[in-house]
């Protein structure tokens, strides 16, 4: 009987746990590498906001926008004439910020490898199945993150686009990359 025939609560829990770990690690890597630059960019904006009685944007929230941008999820910005969207990673002038696109990919591949290895997946197909289960932990956090990283300004909110955050960052990224990592983890385990 293959692993795909016996997926149970333990296997789903293992996938969910590695998915949670991947989300948290991805955000932490983004925070550690980008916090200083984000604080620097927010200085001028926050000075103007405080002048008009507004609260400054916390750097940890703006780093969250970058984390979602690294999943190709745009940040929605309220503006005159409606909501605008922007991806701060793709609109940057290159440099090390472009490396942020690797963060979600690498942590999700790693989560898939970990899930397949810990579940002792015997085949690449089993590994891919278990690796894709990282979605069970990543999706809820990606959904909640839209609200957590939201920042109310005036009549609107600066936040990751909810639809692409849930579908792309929460479902597609972990299912595909976790599945690939799981298949890789099982293949490596078989060769040893």
Foldseek 3Di string as FASTA:
>chain_A
DAVVVPDDPVLLVLLQVLLQVLQVQLLVVLCVVCLVVQVVVQVVVQVVCVVVPHHGQDSSLVSLQLLVLLLVFWKWDADPPGIDTDRCLVPDPDDPSVVSVVSSLVSLLVSLLSSLVVVVHQALQSSLVSLLSNLNNNLVCLQVSQVVSWDDDDPDITGTDNVCSNPRRRHVSSNVSRSNSRSVNNVVVNVD
